[in-house]
Amino acid sequence: MALIPYDPFSEINQFRRNMNRVFSEGFPHFFENFETMNTPRLDIHETANEVIVTCDLPGLEKKEDVDIHLDRNVLTISGTIQRSKEVKEEEMHRRERFIGRFHRAVALPANVKEEEVSATYKNGVLEIRIPKQTENNKKKIDIQFH
């Protein structure tokens, strides 16, 4: 009978390899979605005159449920998805739609006029239109020479 030395770490290494395989092959899409669950998806594009942000926010019931702020070309969208006609927890079999607080902040690709922003919400999509600053909006600063 041949003697094989016992290596207590071989079982731990095998367990680690199995767990790495499970997490890399079995759940990749779950972890991608988990990171962005409370981060609404959005598109940003610009025309010659404005920056347009389109954000998917299905389930908003009233305009007080969402806040939009613009500060130094950073747009912040936050709020709460509330579902007032929810079923009782013991009657629920599967819950996949997002409910709760959300938050998203993005830098805009151009200098914009913060005072002329408009927003509309239709069919679960929030559209924010922000006019771009033009070259003639730049102010020349006069230097006081003494």
N, C-alpha and C. Protein backbone atom coordinates (compact mmCIF):
# COMPACT_ATOMS: atom_id res chain seq x y z
N MET A 1 0.84 -1.17 0.00
CA MET A 1 0.00 0.00 0.00
C MET A 1 0.89 1.24 0.00
N ALA A 2 0.64 2.15 -0.96
CA ALA A 2 1.45 3.36 -1.08
C ALA A 2 0.89 4.44 -0.16
N LEU A 3 1.75 5.15 0.44
CA LEU A 3 1.35 6.25 1.32
C LEU A 3 1.37 7.55 0.54
N ILE A 4 0.25 8.29 0.59
CA ILE A 4 0.15 9.60 -0.05
C ILE A 4 0.02 10.62 1.07
N PRO A 5 0.91 11.60 1.11
CA PRO A 5 0.83 12.58 2.20
C PRO A 5 -0.47 13.40 2.09
N TYR A 6 -1.09 13.65 3.21
CA TYR A 6 -2.34 14.42 3.26
C TYR A 6 -2.02 15.91 3.15
N ASP A 7 -2.71 16.56 2.22
CA ASP A 7 -2.54 18.00 2.04
C ASP A 7 -3.86 18.67 2.39
N PRO A 8 -3.97 19.29 3.57
CA PRO A 8 -5.26 19.88 3.97
C PRO A 8 -5.70 21.03 3.07
N PHE A 9 -4.76 21.64 2.35
CA PHE A 9 -5.12 22.77 1.51
C PHE A 9 -5.63 22.35 0.13
N SER A 10 -5.47 21.11 -0.24
CA SER A 10 -5.94 20.67 -1.55
C SER A 10 -7.46 20.77 -1.64
N GLU A 11 -8.17 20.46 -0.57
CA GLU A 11 -9.63 20.58 -0.57
C GLU A 11 -10.06 22.05 -0.66
N ILE A 12 -9.34 22.91 0.02
CA ILE A 12 -9.66 24.34 -0.04
C ILE A 12 -9.40 24.88 -1.44
N ASN A 13 -8.31 24.47 -2.06
CA ASN A 13 -8.01 24.90 -3.43
C ASN A 13 -9.07 24.40 -4.40
N GLN A 14 -9.52 23.16 -4.22
CA GLN A 14 -10.57 22.62 -5.08
C GLN A 14 -11.86 23.41 -4.89
N PHE A 15 -12.20 23.74 -3.65
CA PHE A 15 -13.40 24.53 -3.35
C PHE A 15 -13.30 25.91 -4.02
N ARG A 16 -12.13 26.55 -3.92
CA ARG A 16 -11.92 27.86 -4.54
C ARG A 16 -12.09 27.78 -6.05
N ARG A 17 -11.54 26.75 -6.69
CA ARG A 17 -11.69 26.59 -8.14
C ARG A 17 -13.16 26.40 -8.51
N ASN A 18 -13.88 25.61 -7.74
CA ASN A 18 -15.30 25.41 -8.01
C ASN A 18 -16.10 26.70 -7.85
N MET A 19 -15.81 27.46 -6.81
CA MET A 19 -16.52 28.72 -6.59
C MET A 19 -16.20 29.72 -7.70
N ASN A 20 -14.95 29.80 -8.12
CA ASN A 20 -14.59 30.68 -9.23
C ASN A 20 -15.35 30.31 -10.49
N ARG A 21 -15.48 29.02 -10.75
CA ARG A 21 -16.22 28.57 -11.93
C ARG A 21 -17.70 28.93 -11.82
N VAL A 22 -18.30 28.76 -10.65
CA VAL A 22 -19.71 29.10 -10.46
C VAL A 22 -19.93 30.59 -10.69
N PHE A 23 -19.08 31.43 -10.11
CA PHE A 23 -19.29 32.87 -10.22
C PHE A 23 -18.91 33.42 -11.59
N SER A 24 -18.01 32.77 -12.29
CA SER A 24 -17.66 33.29 -13.62
C SER A 24 -18.57 32.75 -14.71
N GLU A 25 -19.12 31.55 -14.53
CA GLU A 25 -19.96 30.95 -15.56
C GLU A 25 -21.44 30.97 -15.21
N GLY A 26 -21.76 30.87 -13.92
CA GLY A 26 -23.15 30.68 -13.53
C GLY A 26 -23.94 31.95 -13.30
N PHE A 27 -23.32 33.00 -12.80
CA PHE A 27 -24.07 34.19 -12.41
C PHE A 27 -23.57 35.49 -13.04
N PRO A 28 -22.93 35.52 -14.17
CA PRO A 28 -22.36 36.80 -14.62
C PRO A 28 -23.41 37.86 -14.87
N HIS A 29 -24.55 37.52 -15.45
CA HIS A 29 -25.57 38.52 -15.74
C HIS A 29 -26.25 39.02 -14.47
N PHE A 30 -26.36 38.16 -13.48
CA PHE A 30 -26.94 38.60 -12.21
C PHE A 30 -26.10 39.69 -11.59
N PHE A 31 -24.79 39.54 -11.58
CA PHE A 31 -23.94 40.53 -10.93
C PHE A 31 -23.86 41.81 -11.75
N GLU A 32 -23.93 41.73 -13.08
CA GLU A 32 -23.97 42.94 -13.89
C GLU A 32 -25.22 43.75 -13.56
N ASN A 33 -26.37 43.09 -13.47
CA ASN A 33 -27.62 43.78 -13.18
C ASN A 33 -27.68 44.25 -11.74
N PHE A 34 -27.06 43.52 -10.83
CA PHE A 34 -27.09 43.89 -9.42
C PHE A 34 -26.44 45.25 -9.20
N GLU A 35 -25.36 45.52 -9.92
CA GLU A 35 -24.65 46.79 -9.75
C GLU A 35 -25.47 47.97 -10.24
N THR A 36 -26.36 47.76 -11.19
CA THR A 36 -27.11 48.86 -11.77
C THR A 36 -28.59 48.83 -11.42
N MET A 37 -28.97 48.08 -10.39
CA MET A 37 -30.40 47.96 -10.07
C MET A 37 -31.02 49.31 -9.72
N ASN A 38 -30.35 50.13 -8.94
CA ASN A 38 -30.93 51.42 -8.57
C ASN A 38 -30.32 52.56 -9.38
N THR A 39 -29.73 52.22 -10.52
CA THR A 39 -29.16 53.22 -11.41
C THR A 39 -29.93 53.18 -12.72
N PRO A 40 -30.78 54.17 -12.98
CA PRO A 40 -31.54 54.12 -14.23
C PRO A 40 -30.63 54.26 -15.45
N ARG A 41 -31.00 53.56 -16.50
CA ARG A 41 -30.24 53.62 -17.75
C ARG A 41 -30.63 54.88 -18.51
N LEU A 42 -29.64 55.47 -19.18
CA LEU A 42 -29.93 56.69 -19.93
C LEU A 42 -29.07 56.78 -21.17
N ASP A 43 -29.53 57.61 -22.10
CA ASP A 43 -28.80 57.95 -23.31
C ASP A 43 -28.56 59.45 -23.31
N ILE A 44 -27.40 59.86 -23.79
CA ILE A 44 -27.08 61.28 -23.92
C ILE A 44 -26.62 61.52 -25.34
N HIS A 45 -27.25 62.48 -26.00
CA HIS A 45 -26.76 62.88 -27.32
C HIS A 45 -26.90 64.39 -27.43
N GLU A 46 -26.21 64.95 -28.41
CA GLU A 46 -26.26 66.40 -28.57
C GLU A 46 -26.52 66.77 -30.01
N THR A 47 -27.20 67.88 -30.16
CA THR A 47 -27.42 68.48 -31.47
C THR A 47 -26.55 69.74 -31.51
N ALA A 48 -26.73 70.54 -32.52
CA ALA A 48 -25.95 71.78 -32.61
C ALA A 48 -26.31 72.74 -31.49
N ASN A 49 -27.57 72.66 -30.98
CA ASN A 49 -28.04 73.66 -30.01
C ASN A 49 -28.29 73.14 -28.61
N GLU A 50 -28.37 71.82 -28.43
CA GLU A 50 -28.72 71.33 -27.10
C GLU A 50 -28.17 69.93 -26.83
N VAL A 51 -28.15 69.60 -25.53
CA VAL A 51 -27.82 68.25 -25.07
C VAL A 51 -29.15 67.62 -24.65
N ILE A 52 -29.39 66.39 -25.10
CA ILE A 52 -30.65 65.72 -24.80
C ILE A 52 -30.33 64.44 -24.04
N VAL A 53 -30.94 64.30 -22.86
CA VAL A 53 -30.76 63.13 -22.01
C VAL A 53 -32.10 62.40 -21.97
N THR A 54 -32.09 61.12 -22.31
CA THR A 54 -33.28 60.28 -22.27
C THR A 54 -33.05 59.19 -21.24
N CYS A 55 -33.94 59.08 -20.27
CA CYS A 55 -33.74 58.19 -19.13
C CYS A 55 -34.97 57.30 -18.94
N ASP A 56 -34.76 55.99 -18.87
CA ASP A 56 -35.85 55.05 -18.63
C ASP A 56 -36.20 55.03 -17.14
N LEU A 57 -37.42 55.45 -16.82
CA LEU A 57 -37.90 55.45 -15.44
C LEU A 57 -39.34 54.92 -15.39
N PRO A 58 -39.55 53.67 -15.73
CA PRO A 58 -40.93 53.16 -15.68
C PRO A 58 -41.43 53.07 -14.25
N GLY A 59 -42.68 53.43 -14.06
CA GLY A 59 -43.29 53.28 -12.74
C GLY A 59 -43.42 54.56 -11.95
N LEU A 60 -42.96 55.70 -12.47
CA LEU A 60 -43.16 56.96 -11.75
C LEU A 60 -44.65 57.27 -11.73
N GLU A 61 -45.17 57.65 -10.57
CA GLU A 61 -46.59 57.93 -10.45
C GLU A 61 -46.90 59.42 -10.41
N LYS A 62 -45.95 60.22 -9.95
CA LYS A 62 -46.17 61.68 -9.91
C LYS A 62 -44.82 62.39 -10.01
N LYS A 63 -44.89 63.65 -10.42
CA LYS A 63 -43.63 64.37 -10.67
C LYS A 63 -42.83 64.61 -9.40
N GLU A 64 -43.45 64.56 -8.25
CA GLU A 64 -42.72 64.74 -6.99
C GLU A 64 -41.82 63.54 -6.68
N ASP A 65 -41.97 62.44 -7.42
CA ASP A 65 -41.15 61.24 -7.19
C ASP A 65 -39.78 61.31 -7.84
N VAL A 66 -39.51 62.38 -8.61
CA VAL A 66 -38.21 62.49 -9.28
C VAL A 66 -37.66 63.90 -9.10
N ASP A 67 -36.35 64.00 -8.88
CA ASP A 67 -35.65 65.28 -8.76
C ASP A 67 -34.57 65.34 -9.82
N ILE A 68 -34.47 66.50 -10.47
CA ILE A 68 -33.45 66.73 -11.48
C ILE A 68 -32.66 67.97 -11.06
N HIS A 69 -31.35 67.83 -10.97
CA HIS A 69 -30.49 68.95 -10.61
C HIS A 69 -29.36 69.05 -11.63
N LEU A 70 -28.96 70.28 -11.91
CA LEU A 70 -27.86 70.54 -12.82
C LEU A 70 -26.92 71.53 -12.16
N ASP A 71 -25.67 71.11 -11.98
CA ASP A 71 -24.68 71.96 -11.33
C ASP A 71 -23.33 71.77 -12.00
N ARG A 72 -22.82 72.82 -12.61
CA ARG A 72 -21.51 72.81 -13.27
C ARG A 72 -21.40 71.67 -14.29
N ASN A 73 -22.39 71.56 -15.14
CA ASN A 73 -22.44 70.56 -16.22
C ASN A 73 -22.51 69.12 -15.73
N VAL A 74 -22.94 68.91 -14.48
CA VAL A 74 -23.20 67.57 -13.98
C VAL A 74 -24.70 67.46 -13.73
N LEU A 75 -25.33 66.52 -14.43
CA LEU A 75 -26.77 66.29 -14.30
C LEU A 75 -27.00 65.18 -13.30
N THR A 76 -27.89 65.43 -12.33
CA THR A 76 -28.23 64.43 -11.32
C THR A 76 -29.72 64.15 -11.39
N ILE A 77 -30.08 62.89 -11.51
CA ILE A 77 -31.47 62.44 -11.52
C ILE A 77 -31.63 61.48 -10.35
N SER A 78 -32.58 61.76 -9.46
CA SER A 78 -32.80 60.87 -8.32
C SER A 78 -34.28 60.86 -7.98
N GLY A 79 -34.68 59.91 -7.20
CA GLY A 79 -36.09 59.83 -6.80
C GLY A 79 -36.45 58.47 -6.27
N THR A 80 -37.76 58.18 -6.32
CA THR A 80 -38.28 56.94 -5.77
C THR A 80 -39.34 56.36 -6.70
N ILE A 81 -39.25 55.07 -6.95
CA ILE A 81 -40.30 54.35 -7.67
C ILE A 81 -41.18 53.73 -6.60
N GLN A 82 -42.43 54.14 -6.58
CA GLN A 82 -43.39 53.59 -5.62
C GLN A 82 -44.49 52.90 -6.41
N ARG A 83 -44.89 51.78 -5.97
CA ARG A 83 -45.98 51.06 -6.63
C ARG A 83 -47.14 51.00 -5.65
N SER A 84 -48.10 51.89 -5.84
CA SER A 84 -49.19 52.02 -4.87
C SER A 84 -50.16 50.85 -4.92
N LYS A 85 -50.23 50.15 -6.03
CA LYS A 85 -51.17 49.04 -6.15
C LYS A 85 -50.43 47.71 -6.07
N GLU A 86 -49.61 47.57 -5.08
CA GLU A 86 -48.84 46.35 -4.91
C GLU A 86 -49.69 45.26 -4.28
N VAL A 87 -49.31 44.04 -4.55
CA VAL A 87 -49.98 42.89 -3.94
C VAL A 87 -49.30 42.59 -2.61
N LYS A 88 -49.98 41.82 -1.81
CA LYS A 88 -49.41 41.45 -0.51
C LYS A 88 -48.19 40.56 -0.71
N GLU A 89 -47.23 40.68 0.21
CA GLU A 89 -45.98 39.94 0.10
C GLU A 89 -46.21 38.43 0.04
N GLU A 90 -47.17 37.92 0.81
CA GLU A 90 -47.41 36.48 0.81
C GLU A 90 -48.07 35.99 -0.48
N GLU A 91 -48.61 36.92 -1.29
CA GLU A 91 -49.20 36.55 -2.57
C GLU A 91 -48.19 36.67 -3.72
N MET A 92 -47.02 37.26 -3.46
CA MET A 92 -46.02 37.50 -4.50
C MET A 92 -45.22 36.23 -4.76
N HIS A 93 -45.10 35.86 -6.03
CA HIS A 93 -44.30 34.70 -6.42
C HIS A 93 -42.96 35.11 -7.00
N ARG A 94 -42.93 36.24 -7.68
CA ARG A 94 -41.70 36.73 -8.29
C ARG A 94 -41.74 38.24 -8.33
N ARG A 95 -40.63 38.90 -7.95
CA ARG A 95 -40.53 40.36 -8.00
C ARG A 95 -39.26 40.72 -8.75
N GLU A 96 -39.42 41.22 -9.97
CA GLU A 96 -38.28 41.61 -10.79
C GLU A 96 -38.26 43.09 -11.11
N ARG A 97 -39.41 43.75 -11.06
CA ARG A 97 -39.44 45.18 -11.37
C ARG A 97 -38.85 45.96 -10.21
N PHE A 98 -38.09 47.00 -10.55
CA PHE A 98 -37.42 47.79 -9.52
C PHE A 98 -38.44 48.61 -8.73
N ILE A 99 -38.20 48.70 -7.42
CA ILE A 99 -38.99 49.54 -6.53
C ILE A 99 -38.03 50.11 -5.50
N GLY A 100 -38.17 51.39 -5.20
CA GLY A 100 -37.30 52.02 -4.20
C GLY A 100 -36.61 53.25 -4.75
N ARG A 101 -35.52 53.66 -4.08
CA ARG A 101 -34.79 54.87 -4.45
C ARG A 101 -33.83 54.60 -5.60
N PHE A 102 -33.66 55.60 -6.45
CA PHE A 102 -32.69 55.54 -7.53
C PHE A 102 -31.90 56.83 -7.57
N HIS A 103 -30.71 56.77 -8.19
CA HIS A 103 -29.83 57.94 -8.25
C HIS A 103 -28.88 57.75 -9.43
N ARG A 104 -28.68 58.83 -10.18
CA ARG A 104 -27.74 58.80 -11.30
C ARG A 104 -27.17 60.19 -11.49
N ALA A 105 -25.86 60.31 -11.61
CA ALA A 105 -25.19 61.59 -11.88
C ALA A 105 -24.23 61.38 -13.04
N VAL A 106 -24.31 62.26 -14.04
CA VAL A 106 -23.44 62.16 -15.21
C VAL A 106 -22.93 63.54 -15.60
N ALA A 107 -21.70 63.55 -16.10
CA ALA A 107 -21.14 64.79 -16.64
C ALA A 107 -21.64 64.95 -18.07
N LEU A 108 -22.03 66.15 -18.42
CA LEU A 108 -22.55 66.42 -19.76
C LEU A 108 -21.39 66.71 -20.72
N PRO A 109 -21.56 66.41 -22.01
CA PRO A 109 -20.46 66.53 -22.97
C PRO A 109 -20.19 67.94 -23.47
N ALA A 110 -20.99 68.92 -23.03
CA ALA A 110 -20.80 70.30 -23.50
C ALA A 110 -21.20 71.26 -22.39
N ASN A 111 -20.74 72.50 -22.49
CA ASN A 111 -21.19 73.54 -21.56
C ASN A 111 -22.63 73.88 -21.88
N VAL A 112 -23.46 73.96 -20.84
CA VAL A 112 -24.90 74.16 -21.05
C VAL A 112 -25.40 75.36 -20.25
N LYS A 113 -26.59 75.83 -20.63
CA LYS A 113 -27.25 76.92 -19.91
C LYS A 113 -28.12 76.29 -18.82
N GLU A 114 -27.72 76.44 -17.60
CA GLU A 114 -28.42 75.79 -16.49
C GLU A 114 -29.83 76.34 -16.25
N GLU A 115 -30.07 77.58 -16.65
CA GLU A 115 -31.36 78.21 -16.35
C GLU A 115 -32.44 77.90 -17.39
N GLU A 116 -32.12 77.21 -18.48
CA GLU A 116 -33.10 76.97 -19.54
C GLU A 116 -33.40 75.49 -19.77
N VAL A 117 -33.35 74.68 -18.74
CA VAL A 117 -33.56 73.24 -18.86
C VAL A 117 -35.06 72.94 -18.89
N SER A 118 -35.46 71.98 -19.73
CA SER A 118 -36.86 71.53 -19.74
C SER A 118 -36.87 70.01 -19.65
N ALA A 119 -37.92 69.46 -19.03
CA ALA A 119 -38.04 68.01 -18.88
C ALA A 119 -39.47 67.58 -19.12
N THR A 120 -39.63 66.42 -19.77
CA THR A 120 -40.95 65.82 -19.99
C THR A 120 -40.88 64.34 -19.64
N TYR A 121 -42.02 63.80 -19.22
CA TYR A 121 -42.11 62.38 -18.87
C TYR A 121 -43.30 61.78 -19.60
N LYS A 122 -43.03 60.77 -20.42
CA LYS A 122 -44.10 60.14 -21.19
C LYS A 122 -43.76 58.67 -21.41
N ASN A 123 -44.72 57.79 -21.17
CA ASN A 123 -44.57 56.35 -21.41
C ASN A 123 -43.35 55.76 -20.70
N GLY A 124 -43.07 56.22 -19.49
CA GLY A 124 -41.97 55.67 -18.71
C GLY A 124 -40.60 56.20 -19.07
N VAL A 125 -40.55 57.23 -19.92
CA VAL A 125 -39.26 57.79 -20.35
C VAL A 125 -39.21 59.26 -19.98
N LEU A 126 -38.16 59.64 -19.26
CA LEU A 126 -37.91 61.03 -18.89
C LEU A 126 -36.95 61.61 -19.93
N GLU A 127 -37.35 62.73 -20.55
CA GLU A 127 -36.49 63.39 -21.52
C GLU A 127 -36.13 64.78 -20.98
N ILE A 128 -34.85 65.06 -20.93
CA ILE A 128 -34.35 66.34 -20.44
C ILE A 128 -33.62 67.03 -21.58
N ARG A 129 -34.04 68.26 -21.88
CA ARG A 129 -33.41 69.04 -22.96
C ARG A 129 -32.70 70.23 -22.32
N ILE A 130 -31.41 70.35 -22.63
CA ILE A 130 -30.58 71.39 -22.02
C ILE A 130 -29.88 72.17 -23.14
N PRO A 131 -30.22 73.45 -23.31
CA PRO A 131 -29.56 74.24 -24.35
C PRO A 131 -28.06 74.38 -24.08
N LYS A 132 -27.30 74.32 -25.16
CA LYS A 132 -25.85 74.49 -25.04
C LYS A 132 -25.51 75.97 -24.96
N GLN A 133 -24.41 76.24 -24.29
CA GLN A 133 -23.90 77.61 -24.23
C GLN A 133 -23.21 77.92 -25.54
N THR A 134 -23.46 79.08 -26.08
CA THR A 134 -22.82 79.46 -27.34
C THR A 134 -21.57 80.28 -27.04
N GLU A 135 -20.76 80.45 -28.05
CA GLU A 135 -19.52 81.19 -27.89
C GLU A 135 -19.76 82.63 -27.45
N ASN A 136 -20.84 83.25 -27.94
CA ASN A 136 -21.09 84.65 -27.58
C ASN A 136 -21.62 84.79 -26.15
N ASN A 137 -21.85 83.69 -25.44
CA ASN A 137 -22.23 83.75 -24.04
C ASN A 137 -21.01 83.92 -23.13
N LYS A 138 -19.83 83.72 -23.70
CA LYS A 138 -18.63 83.89 -22.89
C LYS A 138 -18.43 85.36 -22.60
N LYS A 139 -18.01 85.64 -21.39
CA LYS A 139 -17.83 87.02 -20.97
C LYS A 139 -16.33 87.31 -20.84
N LYS A 140 -15.93 88.39 -21.44
CA LYS A 140 -14.53 88.80 -21.31
C LYS A 140 -14.38 89.55 -20.01
N ILE A 141 -13.37 89.19 -19.27
CA ILE A 141 -13.10 89.81 -17.98
C ILE A 141 -12.05 90.90 -18.19
N ASP A 142 -12.42 92.11 -17.77
CA ASP A 142 -11.51 93.24 -17.89
C ASP A 142 -10.54 93.22 -16.71
N ILE A 143 -9.28 93.41 -17.00
CA ILE A 143 -8.26 93.41 -15.97
C ILE A 143 -7.99 94.83 -15.53
N GLN A 144 -7.99 95.06 -14.24
CA GLN A 144 -7.67 96.37 -13.69
C GLN A 144 -6.15 96.46 -13.53
N PHE A 145 -5.54 97.29 -14.36
CA PHE A 145 -4.09 97.44 -14.31
C PHE A 145 -3.76 98.70 -13.53
N HIS A 146 -2.85 98.60 -12.60
CA HIS A 146 -2.44 99.76 -11.79
C HIS A 146 -0.99 100.07 -11.98
